Amino acid sequence: MEYPAVQLITDEDGKVAGAVGRTKDGKGDYVRVNASKGVLIATGNIANDDEMKECFCPIALDVQPLVAETHTGDGHKMA
């Protein structure tokens, strides 16, 4: 089952120590995943978030996204 991350968990030193995810349909339970050695954030892109494109890559506002509608920069925002 897929659990897209909705929040990063940090320890007392501010280091990312895990994540909270939710079932792919967004209606299910949350799941907490604690990392023991580190966290790798692998995220998509910002193609479907006009506010982020305006800030970081305004030229992309004139380009029709050809990627999944889930590419909204959520991972970038959490990081």
Protein backbone atom coordinates (compact mmCIF):
# COMPACT_ATOMS: atom_id res chain seq x y z
CA MET A 1 0.00 0.00 0.00
CA GLU A 2 1.20 3.53 -0.71
CA TYR A 3 1.41 6.15 2.01
CA PRO A 4 2.36 9.58 0.62
CA ALA A 5 4.09 11.65 3.30
CA VAL A 6 2.13 14.53 4.79
CA GLN A 7 4.55 15.60 7.53
CA LEU A 8 8.19 15.06 8.44
CA ILE A 9 9.09 14.12 12.02
CA THR A 10 12.08 15.82 13.60
CA ASP A 11 14.02 14.91 16.73
CA GLU A 12 15.03 17.26 19.55
CA ASP A 13 18.04 18.43 17.50
CA GLY A 14 15.86 19.34 14.51
CA LYS A 15 17.05 16.42 12.37
CA VAL A 16 14.46 14.60 10.28
CA ALA A 17 13.82 11.29 12.00
CA GLY A 18 10.82 9.93 10.12
CA ALA A 19 7.55 10.82 8.44
CA VAL A 20 3.80 10.61 8.79
CA GLY A 21 1.92 9.30 5.77
CA ARG A 22 -1.67 8.73 4.78
CA THR A 23 -3.26 6.18 2.50
CA LYS A 24 -3.14 7.15 -1.16
CA ASP A 25 -6.86 8.02 -1.35
CA GLY A 26 -6.39 10.55 1.50
CA LYS A 27 -9.29 9.10 3.47
CA GLY A 28 -7.57 6.40 5.46
CA ASP A 29 -5.55 6.23 8.60
CA TYR A 30 -2.22 7.91 9.16
CA VAL A 31 0.92 5.85 9.56
CA ARG A 32 4.11 6.95 11.31
CA VAL A 33 7.45 5.69 10.04
CA ASN A 34 10.49 6.21 12.26
CA ALA A 35 13.94 6.09 10.69
CA SER A 36 16.80 4.37 12.48
CA LYS A 37 19.72 5.48 10.29
CA GLY A 38 18.49 8.42 8.21
CA VAL A 39 15.83 9.74 5.90
CA LEU A 40 15.99 10.04 2.12
CA ILE A 41 13.52 12.48 0.63
CA ALA A 42 12.73 11.48 -2.96
CA THR A 43 10.05 13.73 -4.38
CA GLY A 44 8.44 14.57 -7.68
CA ASN A 45 8.29 18.07 -9.04
CA ILE A 46 6.28 21.30 -8.88
CA ALA A 47 4.61 21.10 -12.31
CA ASN A 48 1.07 21.43 -10.90
CA ASP A 49 1.72 24.17 -8.32
CA ASP A 50 1.52 27.59 -9.96
CA GLU A 51 2.59 29.42 -6.79
CA MET A 52 5.82 27.44 -6.57
CA LYS A 53 6.46 27.80 -10.30
CA GLU A 54 5.92 31.56 -10.04
CA CYS A 55 8.48 31.76 -7.22
CA PHE A 56 11.14 29.35 -8.49
CA CYS A 57 10.65 29.04 -12.26
CA PRO A 58 8.25 31.64 -13.71
CA ILE A 59 8.96 30.61 -17.30
CA ALA A 60 7.28 27.28 -16.50
CA LEU A 61 3.93 29.03 -15.96
CA ASP A 62 3.45 29.11 -19.73
CA VAL A 63 4.08 25.38 -20.13
CA GLN A 64 1.31 22.79 -19.89
CA PRO A 65 2.34 20.12 -17.32
CA LEU A 66 2.69 16.66 -18.86
CA VAL A 67 3.01 14.85 -15.54
CA ALA A 68 0.67 13.38 -12.96
CA GLU A 69 -1.61 15.84 -11.19
CA THR A 70 0.00 14.75 -7.91
CA HIS A 71 3.20 16.66 -8.78
CA THR A 72 2.41 19.60 -6.51
CA GLY A 73 5.71 20.13 -4.71
CA ASP A 74 4.55 18.61 -1.41
CA GLY A 75 7.92 16.96 -0.76
CA HIS A 76 9.75 20.20 -1.49
CA LYS A 77 7.49 22.09 0.93
CA MET A 78 8.05 19.58 3.74
CA ALA A 79 11.83 19.63 3.26
